[in-house]
PDB file of N, CA and C in Angstrom:
ATOM      1  N   UNK A   1      -3.838 -11.975 -21.821  1.00  0.00           N
ATOM      2  CA  UNK A   1      -3.967 -13.263 -21.861  1.00  0.00           C
ATOM      3  C   UNK A   1      -2.663 -14.361 -21.256  1.00  0.00           C
ATOM      4  N   UNK A   2      -3.028 -13.687 -19.698  1.00  0.00           N
ATOM      5  CA  UNK A   2      -1.925 -14.667 -18.977  1.00  0.00           C
ATOM      6  C   UNK A   2      -2.934 -15.434 -18.334  1.00  0.00           C
ATOM      7  N   UNK A   3      -1.328 -16.588 -18.457  1.00  0.00           N
ATOM      8  CA  UNK A   3      -1.948 -18.310 -17.899  1.00  0.00           C
ATOM      9  C   UNK A   3      -1.442 -18.065 -17.080  1.00  0.00           C
ATOM     10  N   UNK A   4      -1.939 -18.675 -15.460  1.00  0.00           N
ATOM     11  CA  UNK A   4      -1.497 -18.711 -13.955  1.00  0.00           C
ATOM     12  C   UNK A   4      -1.606 -20.484 -14.026  1.00  0.00           C
ATOM     13  N   UNK A   5      -0.411 -20.553 -13.857  1.00  0.00           N
ATOM     14  CA  UNK A   5       0.116 -21.959 -13.028  1.00  0.00           C
ATOM     15  C   UNK A   5      -0.126 -22.057 -11.483  1.00  0.00           C
ATOM     16  N   UNK A   6      -0.780 -22.931 -11.391  1.00  0.00           N
ATOM     17  CA  UNK A   6      -0.978 -23.415 -10.049  1.00  0.00           C
ATOM     18  C   UNK A   6      -0.533 -24.903  -9.671  1.00  0.00           C
ATOM     19  N   UNK A   7       0.803 -24.692  -9.894  1.00  0.00           N
ATOM     20  CA  UNK A   7       1.740 -26.139  -9.672  1.00  0.00           C
ATOM     21  C   UNK A   7       1.793 -25.999  -8.088  1.00  0.00           C
ATOM     22  N   UNK A   8       2.476 -24.637  -7.027  1.00  0.00           N
ATOM     23  CA  UNK A   8       2.677 -25.069  -5.941  1.00  0.00           C
ATOM     24  C   UNK A   8       1.390 -25.801  -5.311  1.00  0.00           C
ATOM     25  N   UNK A   9       0.101 -24.859  -5.710  1.00  0.00           N
ATOM     26  CA  UNK A   9      -1.119 -25.467  -5.321  1.00  0.00           C
ATOM     27  C   UNK A   9      -0.657 -26.961  -5.371  1.00  0.00           C
ATOM     28  N   UNK A  10      -1.082 -27.530  -6.406  1.00  0.00           N
ATOM     29  CA  UNK A  10      -0.838 -29.219  -6.367  1.00  0.00           C
ATOM     30  C   UNK A  10      -0.192 -29.916  -5.649  1.00  0.00           C
ATOM     31  N   UNK A  11       1.192 -29.199  -5.919  1.00  0.00           N
ATOM     32  CA  UNK A  11       2.580 -29.735  -4.610  1.00  0.00           C
ATOM     33  C   UNK A  11       1.815 -29.919  -2.889  1.00  0.00           C
ATOM     34  N   UNK A  12       1.349 -28.578  -2.536  1.00  0.00           N
ATOM     35  CA  UNK A  12       0.965 -28.523  -1.334  1.00  0.00           C
ATOM     36  C   UNK A  12      -0.105 -29.800  -1.256  1.00  0.00           C
ATOM     37  N   UNK A  13      -1.257 -29.695  -2.113  1.00  0.00           N
ATOM     38  CA  UNK A  13      -2.328 -31.098  -2.147  1.00  0.00           C
ATOM     39  C   UNK A  13      -1.473 -32.074  -1.515  1.00  0.00           C
ATOM     40  N   UNK A  14      -0.586 -32.308  -2.829  1.00  0.00           N
ATOM     41  CA  UNK A  14      -0.219 -33.173  -2.689  1.00  0.00           C
ATOM     42  C   UNK A  14       0.773 -34.387  -1.484  1.00  0.00           C
ATOM     43  N   UNK A  15       1.249 -32.678  -0.693  1.00  0.00           N
ATOM     44  CA  UNK A  15       2.772 -33.034  -0.107  1.00  0.00           C
ATOM     45  C   UNK A  15       3.622 -33.334  -0.648  1.00  0.00           C
ATOM     46  N   UNK A  16       3.841 -32.809  -1.609  1.00  0.00           N
ATOM     47  CA  UNK A  16       5.158 -33.089  -2.370  1.00  0.00           C
ATOM     48  C   UNK A  16       6.174 -32.472  -2.564  1.00  0.00           C
ATOM     49  N   UNK A  17       7.118 -32.253  -2.228  1.00  0.00           N
ATOM     50  CA  UNK A  17       7.945 -31.006  -2.581  1.00  0.00           C
ATOM     51  C   UNK A  17       8.561 -31.035  -4.480  1.00  0.00           C
ATOM     52  N   UNK A  18       8.890 -29.910  -4.788  1.00  0.00           N
ATOM     53  CA  UNK A  18       9.629 -29.733  -5.907  1.00  0.00           C
ATOM     54  C   UNK A  18      10.379 -30.362  -6.207  1.00  0.00           C
ATOM     55  N   UNK A  19      11.678 -31.019  -5.469  1.00  0.00           N
ATOM     56  CA  UNK A  19      12.410 -31.658  -5.722  1.00  0.00           C
ATOM     57  C   UNK A  19      11.596 -33.117  -5.571  1.00  0.00           C
ATOM     58  N   UNK A  20      10.815 -33.507  -5.752  1.00  0.00           N
ATOM     59  CA  UNK A  20      10.345 -34.839  -5.357  1.00  0.00           C
ATOM     60  C   UNK A  20       9.710 -35.106  -7.250  1.00  0.00           C
ATOM     61  N   UNK A  21       9.097 -33.865  -7.430  1.00  0.00           N
ATOM     62  CA  UNK A  21       8.174 -33.802  -8.121  1.00  0.00           C
ATOM     63  C   UNK A  21       9.284 -33.992 -10.026  1.00  0.00           C
ATOM     64  N   UNK A  22      10.309 -33.130  -9.327  1.00  0.00           N
ATOM     65  CA  UNK A  22      11.582 -33.268 -10.505  1.00  0.00           C
ATOM     66  C   UNK A  22      12.310 -35.029 -10.657  1.00  0.00           C
ATOM     67  N   UNK A  23      12.603 -35.638  -9.581  1.00  0.00           N
ATOM     68  CA  UNK A  23      12.897 -36.689  -9.567  1.00  0.00           C
ATOM     69  C   UNK A  23      11.403 -37.401 -10.418  1.00  0.00           C
ATOM     70  N   UNK A  24      10.815 -37.365  -9.960  1.00  0.00           N
ATOM     71  CA  UNK A  24       9.592 -38.602 -10.719  1.00  0.00           C
ATOM     72  C   UNK A  24       9.149 -37.972 -11.565  1.00  0.00           C
ATOM     73  N   UNK A  25       9.436 -36.837 -12.402  1.00  0.00           N
ATOM     74  CA  UNK A  25       9.092 -36.630 -13.757  1.00  0.00           C
ATOM     75  C   UNK A  25      10.287 -36.506 -14.857  1.00  0.00           C
ATOM     76  N   UNK A  26      11.561 -36.157 -14.289  1.00  0.00           N
ATOM     77  CA  UNK A  26      12.986 -36.262 -15.053  1.00  0.00           C
ATOM     78  C   UNK A  26      13.076 -35.227 -15.560  1.00  0.00           C
ATOM     79  N   UNK A  27      12.620 -34.185 -14.614  1.00  0.00           N
ATOM     80  CA  UNK A  27      13.268 -32.575 -15.511  1.00  0.00           C
ATOM     81  C   UNK A  27      13.555 -32.197 -14.161  1.00  0.00           C
ATOM     82  N   UNK A  28      14.264 -31.154 -14.530  1.00  0.00           N
ATOM     83  CA  UNK A  28      15.603 -30.332 -14.023  1.00  0.00           C
ATOM     84  C   UNK A  28      14.905 -29.339 -12.858  1.00  0.00           C
ATOM     85  N   UNK A  29      15.337 -29.679 -11.157  1.00  0.00           N
ATOM     86  CA  UNK A  29      14.839 -28.583 -10.915  1.00  0.00           C
ATOM     87  C   UNK A  29      14.700 -27.107 -11.138  1.00  0.00           C
ATOM     88  N   UNK A  30      15.273 -26.443 -11.862  1.00  0.00           N
ATOM     89  CA  UNK A  30      15.312 -25.123 -12.794  1.00  0.00           C
ATOM     90  C   UNK A  30      14.344 -25.105 -13.033  1.00  0.00           C
ATOM     91  N   UNK A  31      13.882 -26.235 -14.366  1.00  0.00           N
ATOM     92  CA  UNK A  31      13.126 -25.919 -14.847  1.00  0.00           C
ATOM     93  C   UNK A  31      11.591 -25.827 -14.474  1.00  0.00           C
ATOM     94  N   UNK A  32      11.378 -27.257 -13.477  1.00  0.00           N
ATOM     95  CA  UNK A  32      10.110 -26.416 -12.663  1.00  0.00           C
ATOM     96  C   UNK A  32      10.230 -25.629 -11.550  1.00  0.00           C
ATOM     97  N   UNK A  33      11.137 -24.858 -11.118  1.00  0.00           N
ATOM     98  CA  UNK A  33      10.688 -23.740 -10.434  1.00  0.00           C
ATOM     99  C   UNK A  33      10.423 -22.547 -11.432  1.00  0.00           C
ATOM    100  N   UNK A  34      11.060 -22.482 -12.742  1.00  0.00           N
ATOM    101  CA  UNK A  34      10.897 -21.364 -13.731  1.00  0.00           C
ATOM    102  C   UNK A  34       9.285 -22.141 -14.388  1.00  0.00           C
ATOM    103  N   UNK A  35       8.588 -22.793 -14.465  1.00  0.00           N
ATOM    104  CA  UNK A  35       7.267 -23.204 -14.377  1.00  0.00           C
ATOM    105  C   UNK A  35       6.260 -22.690 -12.925  1.00  0.00           C
ATOM    106  N   UNK A  36       6.719 -23.075 -11.993  1.00  0.00           N
ATOM    107  CA  UNK A  36       6.211 -23.143 -11.177  1.00  0.00           C
ATOM    108  C   UNK A  36       6.249 -21.753 -10.827  1.00  0.00           C
ATOM    109  N   UNK A  37       7.102 -20.674 -10.815  1.00  0.00           N
ATOM    110  CA  UNK A  37       6.848 -18.917 -10.957  1.00  0.00           C
ATOM    111  C   UNK A  37       6.227 -18.791 -11.641  1.00  0.00           C
ATOM    112  N   UNK A  38       5.917 -19.118 -12.888  1.00  0.00           N
ATOM    113  CA  UNK A  38       5.001 -19.032 -14.214  1.00  0.00           C
ATOM    114  C   UNK A  38       5.768 -17.812 -15.181  1.00  0.00           C
ATOM    115  N   UNK A  39       7.214 -18.094 -15.212  1.00  0.00           N
ATOM    116  CA  UNK A  39       8.296 -17.410 -16.071  1.00  0.00           C
ATOM    117  C   UNK A  39       8.055 -18.563 -16.957  1.00  0.00           C
ATOM    118  N   UNK A  40       7.657 -19.480 -17.349  1.00  0.00           N
ATOM    119  CA  UNK A  40       7.980 -20.219 -18.470  1.00  0.00           C
ATOM    120  C   UNK A  40       6.798 -19.788 -19.607  1.00  0.00           C
ATOM    121  N   UNK A  41       7.397 -19.657 -20.826  1.00  0.00           N
ATOM    122  CA  UNK A  41       7.207 -18.980 -21.953  1.00  0.00           C
ATOM    123  C   UNK A  41       6.465 -20.344 -22.797  1.00  0.00           C
ATOM    124  N   UNK A  42       6.973 -21.770 -22.428  1.00  0.00           N
ATOM    125  CA  UNK A  42       5.830 -23.045 -23.392  1.00  0.00           C
ATOM    126  C   UNK A  42       6.257 -24.407 -22.278  1.00  0.00           C
ATOM    127  N   UNK A  43       5.077 -24.914 -22.091  1.00  0.00           N
ATOM    128  CA  UNK A  43       5.377 -26.088 -21.519  1.00  0.00           C
ATOM    129  C   UNK A  43       5.290 -27.555 -22.912  1.00  0.00           C
ATOM    130  N   UNK A  44       5.874 -28.655 -22.697  1.00  0.00           N
ATOM    131  CA  UNK A  44       5.485 -29.868 -23.843  1.00  0.00           C
ATOM    132  C   UNK A  44       4.587 -29.960 -23.107  1.00  0.00           C
ATOM    133  N   UNK A  45       3.767 -31.008 -24.226  1.00  0.00           N
ATOM    134  CA  UNK A  45       2.493 -31.572 -23.443  1.00  0.00           C
ATOM    135  C   UNK A  45       3.487 -33.019 -23.120  1.00  0.00           C
ATOM    136  N   UNK A  46       3.996 -33.229 -23.922  1.00  0.00           N
ATOM    137  CA  UNK A  46       4.582 -34.513 -22.542  1.00  0.00           C
ATOM    138  C   UNK A  46       5.573 -34.402 -21.399  1.00  0.00           C
ATOM    139  N   UNK A  47       5.801 -33.245 -21.308  1.00  0.00           N
ATOM    140  CA  UNK A  47       6.108 -32.775 -19.973  1.00  0.00           C
ATOM    141  C   UNK A  47       5.060 -32.438 -18.922  1.00  0.00           C
ATOM    142  N   UNK A  48       3.621 -31.557 -19.468  1.00  0.00           N
ATOM    143  CA  UNK A  48       2.867 -31.500 -18.725  1.00  0.00           C
ATOM    144  C   UNK A  48       2.035 -32.583 -18.407  1.00  0.00           C
ATOM    145  N   UNK A  49       1.763 -33.375 -19.564  1.00  0.00           N
ATOM    146  CA  UNK A  49       1.192 -34.880 -19.030  1.00  0.00           C
ATOM    147  C   UNK A  49       1.849 -35.953 -17.901  1.00  0.00           C
ATOM    148  N   UNK A  50       3.197 -36.003 -18.095  1.00  0.00           N
ATOM    149  CA  UNK A  50       4.265 -36.541 -16.604  1.00  0.00           C
ATOM    150  C   UNK A  50       3.798 -35.675 -15.558  1.00  0.00           C
ATOM    151  N   UNK A  51       3.611 -34.442 -15.421  1.00  0.00           N
ATOM    152  CA  UNK A  51       3.719 -33.480 -13.810  1.00  0.00           C
ATOM    153  C   UNK A  51       2.169 -34.380 -13.386  1.00  0.00           C
ATOM    154  N   UNK A  52       1.632 -34.057 -14.686  1.00  0.00           N
ATOM    155  CA  UNK A  52      -0.616 -34.641 -14.386  1.00  0.00           C
ATOM    156  C   UNK A  52       0.036 -36.171 -13.800  1.00  0.00           C
ATOM    157  N   UNK A  53       0.527 -36.679 -14.388  1.00  0.00           N
ATOM    158  CA  UNK A  53       0.820 -37.951 -13.795  1.00  0.00           C
ATOM    159  C   UNK A  53       1.146 -38.740 -12.385  1.00  0.00           C
ATOM    160  N   UNK A  54       2.468 -38.027 -12.289  1.00  0.00           N
ATOM    161  CA  UNK A  54       2.599 -37.654 -10.866  1.00  0.00           C
ATOM    162  C   UNK A  54       1.899 -37.148 -10.164  1.00  0.00           C
ATOM    163  N   UNK A  55       1.225 -36.204 -10.243  1.00  0.00           N
ATOM    164  CA  UNK A  55       0.071 -35.556  -9.629  1.00  0.00           C
ATOM    165  C   UNK A  55      -0.974 -35.775  -9.461  1.00  0.00           C
ATOM    166  N   UNK A  56      -1.411 -36.778 -10.298  1.00  0.00           N
ATOM    167  CA  UNK A  56      -2.520 -37.707 -10.410  1.00  0.00           C
ATOM    168  C   UNK A  56      -3.918 -36.202 -10.368  1.00  0.00           C
ATOM    169  N   UNK A  57      -3.549 -35.596 -11.326  1.00  0.00           N
ATOM    170  CA  UNK A  57      -4.175 -34.582 -11.787  1.00  0.00           C
ATOM    171  C   UNK A  57      -4.444 -34.375 -13.227  1.00  0.00           C
ATOM    172  N   UNK A  58      -5.343 -33.121 -13.121  1.00  0.00           N
ATOM    173  CA  UNK A  58      -5.811 -33.064 -15.291  1.00  0.00           C
ATOM    174  C   UNK A  58      -5.067 -31.761 -15.039  1.00  0.00           C
ATOM    175  N   UNK A  59      -4.628 -31.341 -16.040  1.00  0.00           N
ATOM    176  CA  UNK A  59      -3.627 -30.297 -17.027  1.00  0.00           C
ATOM    177  C   UNK A  59      -4.718 -29.074 -15.942  1.00  0.00           C
ATOM    178  N   UNK A  60      -6.641 -28.921 -16.321  1.00  0.00           N
ATOM    179  CA  UNK A  60      -7.391 -27.867 -16.032  1.00  0.00           C
ATOM    180  C   UNK A  60      -6.673 -27.425 -14.246  1.00  0.00           C
ATOM    181  N   UNK A  61      -6.206 -28.259 -14.025  1.00  0.00           N
ATOM    182  CA  UNK A  61      -5.583 -28.291 -12.109  1.00  0.00           C
ATOM    183  C   UNK A  61      -4.501 -27.480 -11.805  1.00  0.00           C
ATOM    184  N   UNK A  62      -3.584 -27.471 -12.784  1.00  0.00           N
ATOM    185  CA  UNK A  62      -2.426 -26.714 -12.740  1.00  0.00           C
ATOM    186  C   UNK A  62      -2.218 -25.435 -13.717  1.00  0.00           C
ATOM    187  N   UNK A  63      -3.103 -25.634 -14.523  1.00  0.00           N
ATOM    188  CA  UNK A  63      -3.555 -23.809 -15.646  1.00  0.00           C
ATOM    189  C   UNK A  63      -4.565 -23.484 -15.756  1.00  0.00           C
ATOM    190  N   UNK A  64      -4.332 -22.303 -15.242  1.00  0.00           N
ATOM    191  CA  UNK A  64      -5.912 -21.340 -15.673  1.00  0.00           C
ATOM    192  C   UNK A  64      -5.344 -19.950 -16.740  1.00  0.00           C
ATOM    193  N   UNK A  65      -7.074 -19.772 -16.743  1.00  0.00           N
ATOM    194  CA  UNK A  65      -6.524 -18.248 -17.628  1.00  0.00           C
ATOM    195  C   UNK A  65      -6.835 -17.520 -16.415  1.00  0.00           C
ATOM    196  N   UNK A  66      -6.444 -16.276 -16.493  1.00  0.00           N
ATOM    197  CA  UNK A  66      -6.870 -14.611 -16.128  1.00  0.00           C
ATOM    198  C   UNK A  66      -6.784 -13.602 -16.985  1.00  0.00           C
ATOM    199  N   UNK A  67      -7.316 -12.953 -15.903  1.00  0.00           N
ATOM    200  CA  UNK A  67      -7.135 -11.697 -16.742  1.00  0.00           C
ATOM    201  C   UNK A  67      -6.373 -10.930 -16.877  1.00  0.00           C
ATOM    202  N   UNK A  68      -5.786 -10.074 -18.168  1.00  0.00           N
ATOM    203  CA  UNK A  68      -4.674  -9.315 -18.265  1.00  0.00           C
ATOM    204  C   UNK A  68      -4.179  -8.745 -17.548  1.00  0.00           C
ATOM    205  N   UNK A  69      -3.548  -7.764 -16.700  1.00  0.00           N
ATOM    206  CA  UNK A  69      -3.400  -7.387 -15.659  1.00  0.00           C
ATOM    207  C   UNK A  69      -3.498  -5.337 -16.593  1.00  0.00           C
ATOM    208  N   UNK A  70      -3.183  -5.523 -18.008  1.00  0.00           N
ATOM    209  CA  UNK A  70      -3.711  -4.576 -18.274  1.00  0.00           C
ATOM    210  C   UNK A  70      -4.794  -3.840 -18.405  1.00  0.00           C
ATOM    211  N   UNK A  71      -5.785  -4.758 -18.605  1.00  0.00           N
ATOM    212  CA  UNK A  71      -6.867  -4.934 -18.715  1.00  0.00           C
ATOM    213  C   UNK A  71      -7.805  -4.011 -17.362  1.00  0.00           C
ATOM    214  N   UNK A  72      -7.371  -4.249 -15.784  1.00  0.00           N
ATOM    215  CA  UNK A  72      -7.432  -4.563 -14.753  1.00  0.00           C
ATOM    216  C   UNK A  72      -7.041  -2.937 -14.061  1.00  0.00           C
ATOM    217  N   UNK A  73      -5.920  -2.518 -15.327  1.00  0.00           N
ATOM    218  CA  UNK A  73      -6.023  -0.540 -15.038  1.00  0.00           C
ATOM    219  C   UNK A  73      -6.806  -0.014 -15.064  1.00  0.00           C
ATOM    220  N   UNK A  74      -7.089   1.363 -14.365  1.00  0.00           N
ATOM    221  CA  UNK A  74      -8.304   2.797 -14.489  1.00  0.00           C
ATOM    222  C   UNK A  74      -7.987   2.661 -15.652  1.00  0.00           C
ATOM    223  N   UNK A  75      -8.581   3.269 -16.347  1.00  0.00           N
ATOM    224  CA  UNK A  75      -8.788   3.701 -17.446  1.00  0.00           C
ATOM    225  C   UNK A  75      -7.778   3.030 -19.327  1.00  0.00           C
ATOM    226  N   UNK A  76      -8.036   1.838 -18.997  1.00  0.00           N
ATOM    227  CA  UNK A  76      -7.091   0.908 -19.661  1.00  0.00           C
ATOM    228  C   UNK A  76      -8.224   1.014 -20.941  1.00  0.00           C
ATOM    229  N   UNK A  77      -8.977   1.564 -20.884  1.00  0.00           N
ATOM    230  CA  UNK A  77     -10.197   1.652 -22.109  1.00  0.00           C
ATOM    231  C   UNK A  77      -9.460   1.774 -23.684  1.00  0.00           C
TER     232      UNK A  77
END
């Protein structure tokens, strides 16, 4: 059940850098980079809300559910 993080897409649409978002949200650049790369294990709702406010978007614009890569392998029955 992988969650796909589309933060880079929203940053590009808003013509905003990760550094500018970090400053606007009050979160470290390192933590935003972890989120952007999809390596984050969790995100606080307050952080998600702040990111959505800064990017003028909805949580669904940032997060999506994709197929499990293990399910896509041949013979994964």
